[in-house]
Amino acid sequence: MSNRGHISSEGKVYGARSDREKKYVDVVSLTSADGLVTPQTVIWDDGRRFAIDKVTDRRQAHSLKVGGTGMRYTVLVGGRQTHLWYDDYRGSWFVEARPT
C-alpha cells in the first residue's frame, strides 16, 4: 500500500501513514492589485512568527499527508522548504504540522 492513501470526497485521507496533522494557522499576506496573494508571515497558535523568505511555487493541490485541498504555496522559512495551503472553502490557511 502506498503511503499516500486515498482522499475521500470530504478531503479526508484514508490508508495514509503520516507523522503530520492538519494545523490551521494565521498568515499575514500581501494581495497585489491584480489579485495575486503572497504569504509573508506564518503565526503559530502560541504567538511565534515565522517570516517567509521566498515563495518558490503556487498551485492547486491536495495535501496527501493530512487531507484537504487548496492553493499550495511552496515556501522557504529559515532556509527550509515547506508547504502552506490556502483552503478556499474555509477561507483559512493550514500546514502539515508534527503532532504536539
C-alpha atoms as a PDB file:
ATOM      1  CA  MET A   1       0.000   0.000   0.000  1.00  0.00           C
ATOM      2  CA  SER A   2       1.225   3.485  -0.814  1.00  0.00           C
ATOM      3  CA  ASN A   3       1.914   5.993   1.954  1.00  0.00           C
ATOM      4  CA  ARG A   4      -0.281   8.420   0.068  1.00  0.00           C
ATOM      5  CA  GLY A   5      -3.596   6.772   0.907  1.00  0.00           C
ATOM      6  CA  HIS A   6      -6.939   7.691  -0.618  1.00  0.00           C
ATOM      7  CA  ILE A   7      -8.607  11.096  -0.449  1.00  0.00           C
ATOM      8  CA  SER A   8     -12.369  10.971   0.088  1.00  0.00           C
ATOM      9  CA  SER A   9     -14.777  13.483  -1.390  1.00  0.00           C
ATOM     10  CA  GLU A  10     -14.711  15.249   2.024  1.00  0.00           C
ATOM     11  CA  GLY A  11     -10.931  15.689   1.797  1.00  0.00           C
ATOM     12  CA  LYS A  12     -10.099  13.064   4.452  1.00  0.00           C
ATOM     13  CA  VAL A  13      -7.128  10.772   3.876  1.00  0.00           C
ATOM     14  CA  TYR A  14      -7.729   7.054   4.371  1.00  0.00           C
ATOM     15  CA  GLY A  15      -4.951   4.483   4.467  1.00  0.00           C
ATOM     16  CA  ALA A  16      -2.199   7.070   4.795  1.00  0.00           C
ATOM     17  CA  ARG A  17       0.562   6.690   7.366  1.00  0.00           C
ATOM     18  CA  SER A  18       1.651  10.133   8.326  1.00  0.00           C
ATOM     19  CA  ASP A  19       3.543  11.747  11.139  1.00  0.00           C
ATOM     20  CA  ARG A  20       1.705  15.001  10.413  1.00  0.00           C
ATOM     21  CA  GLU A  21      -1.586  16.628  11.323  1.00  0.00           C
ATOM     22  CA  LYS A  22      -3.533  19.478   9.757  1.00  0.00           C
ATOM     23  CA  LYS A  23      -2.917  22.677  11.714  1.00  0.00           C
ATOM     24  CA  TYR A  24      -4.758  25.892  10.899  1.00  0.00           C
ATOM     25  CA  VAL A  25      -2.542  28.950  11.273  1.00  0.00           C
ATOM     26  CA  ASP A  26      -2.778  32.710  10.933  1.00  0.00           C
ATOM     27  CA  VAL A  27      -0.938  34.154   7.943  1.00  0.00           C
ATOM     28  CA  VAL A  28      -0.009  37.721   7.090  1.00  0.00           C
ATOM     29  CA  SER A  29      -0.187  38.056   3.311  1.00  0.00           C
ATOM     30  CA  LEU A  30       0.110  40.684   0.616  1.00  0.00           C
ATOM     31  CA  THR A  31      -2.503  40.881  -2.144  1.00  0.00           C
ATOM     32  CA  SER A  32      -1.408  42.734  -5.271  1.00  0.00           C
ATOM     33  CA  ALA A  33      -3.673  44.927  -7.391  1.00  0.00           C
ATOM     34  CA  ASP A  34      -4.131  42.026  -9.836  1.00  0.00           C
ATOM     35  CA  GLY A  35      -5.245  39.665  -7.033  1.00  0.00           C
ATOM     36  CA  LEU A  36      -2.036  37.659  -6.562  1.00  0.00           C
ATOM     37  CA  VAL A  37      -1.751  36.575  -2.899  1.00  0.00           C
ATOM     38  CA  THR A  38       1.747  36.248  -1.435  1.00  0.00           C
ATOM     39  CA  PRO A  39       2.072  34.942   2.135  1.00  0.00           C
ATOM     40  CA  GLN A  40       4.610  36.904   4.217  1.00  0.00           C
ATOM     41  CA  THR A  41       4.481  35.515   7.776  1.00  0.00           C
ATOM     42  CA  VAL A  42       3.047  32.402   9.463  1.00  0.00           C
ATOM     43  CA  ILE A  43       1.798  32.927  13.018  1.00  0.00           C
ATOM     44  CA  TRP A  44       1.606  29.827  15.214  1.00  0.00           C
ATOM     45  CA  ASP A  45      -1.165  29.488  17.828  1.00  0.00           C
ATOM     46  CA  ASP A  46       1.352  30.193  20.625  1.00  0.00           C
ATOM     47  CA  GLY A  47       2.237  33.541  19.025  1.00  0.00           C
ATOM     48  CA  ARG A  48       5.518  32.552  17.370  1.00  0.00           C
ATOM     49  CA  ARG A  49       6.031  34.224  13.999  1.00  0.00           C
ATOM     50  CA  PHE A  50       7.890  32.708  11.062  1.00  0.00           C
ATOM     51  CA  ALA A  51       8.888  35.024   8.229  1.00  0.00           C
ATOM     52  CA  ILE A  52       8.564  33.535   4.752  1.00  0.00           C
ATOM     53  CA  ASP A  53      11.844  34.144   2.952  1.00  0.00           C
ATOM     54  CA  LYS A  54      10.548  33.283  -0.518  1.00  0.00           C
ATOM     55  CA  VAL A  55       7.585  31.731  -2.342  1.00  0.00           C
ATOM     56  CA  THR A  56       9.011  29.314  -4.910  1.00  0.00           C
ATOM     57  CA  ASP A  57       5.767  27.836  -6.274  1.00  0.00           C
ATOM     58  CA  ARG A  58       1.998  28.181  -6.045  1.00  0.00           C
ATOM     59  CA  ARG A  59      -0.569  25.755  -7.472  1.00  0.00           C
ATOM     60  CA  GLN A  60      -3.854  23.996  -6.733  1.00  0.00           C
ATOM     61  CA  ALA A  61      -3.005  20.772  -4.898  1.00  0.00           C
ATOM     62  CA  HIS A  62      -4.153  18.176  -2.374  1.00  0.00           C
ATOM     63  CA  SER A  63      -2.384  17.545   0.901  1.00  0.00           C
ATOM     64  CA  LEU A  64      -1.748  13.818   0.734  1.00  0.00           C
ATOM     65  CA  LYS A  65      -0.432  13.710   4.303  1.00  0.00           C
ATOM     66  CA  VAL A  66      -3.290  15.380   6.203  1.00  0.00           C
ATOM     67  CA  GLY A  67      -6.099  15.747   3.679  1.00  0.00           C
ATOM     68  CA  GLY A  68      -7.592  18.892   2.271  1.00  0.00           C
ATOM     69  CA  THR A  69      -7.075  20.846  -0.869  1.00  0.00           C
ATOM     70  CA  GLY A  70      -6.466  24.406  -1.927  1.00  0.00           C
ATOM     71  CA  MET A  71      -3.806  26.690  -3.253  1.00  0.00           C
ATOM     72  CA  ARG A  72      -0.493  25.174  -2.141  1.00  0.00           C
ATOM     73  CA  TYR A  73       2.399  27.562  -1.651  1.00  0.00           C
ATOM     74  CA  THR A  74       5.902  26.108  -1.581  1.00  0.00           C
ATOM     75  CA  VAL A  75       7.815  28.474   0.675  1.00  0.00           C
ATOM     76  CA  LEU A  76      11.220  28.903   2.270  1.00  0.00           C
ATOM     77  CA  VAL A  77      11.178  29.610   6.012  1.00  0.00           C
ATOM     78  CA  GLY A  78      14.560  29.978   7.662  1.00  0.00           C
ATOM     79  CA  GLY A  79      16.126  28.492   4.537  1.00  0.00           C
ATOM     80  CA  ARG A  80      13.984  25.311   4.753  1.00  0.00           C
ATOM     81  CA  GLN A  81      11.368  24.372   2.181  1.00  0.00           C
ATOM     82  CA  THR A  82       7.833  23.644   3.388  1.00  0.00           C
ATOM     83  CA  HIS A  83       4.244  23.887   2.142  1.00  0.00           C
ATOM     84  CA  LEU A  84       1.430  26.192   3.160  1.00  0.00           C
ATOM     85  CA  TRP A  85      -2.146  25.811   1.898  1.00  0.00           C
ATOM     86  CA  TYR A  86      -4.939  28.313   1.489  1.00  0.00           C
ATOM     87  CA  ASP A  87      -8.234  26.449   1.794  1.00  0.00           C
ATOM     88  CA  ASP A  88     -10.686  28.381  -0.412  1.00  0.00           C
ATOM     89  CA  TYR A  89     -13.674  26.547   1.048  1.00  0.00           C
ATOM     90  CA  ARG A  90     -12.915  27.542   4.664  1.00  0.00           C
ATOM     91  CA  GLY A  91     -11.119  30.770   3.823  1.00  0.00           C
ATOM     92  CA  SER A  92      -8.188  29.813   6.061  1.00  0.00           C
ATOM     93  CA  TRP A  93      -4.564  28.679   5.939  1.00  0.00           C
ATOM     94  CA  PHE A  94      -3.141  25.323   7.082  1.00  0.00           C
ATOM     95  CA  VAL A  95       0.133  23.439   7.300  1.00  0.00           C
ATOM     96  CA  GLU A  96       1.164  19.792   7.704  1.00  0.00           C
ATOM     97  CA  ALA A  97       2.471  20.023  11.276  1.00  0.00           C
ATOM     98  CA  ARG A  98       4.157  17.489  13.514  1.00  0.00           C
ATOM     99  CA  PRO A  99       1.746  16.443  16.278  1.00  0.00           C
ATOM    100  CA  THR A 100       2.399  18.048  19.657  1.00  0.00           C
END
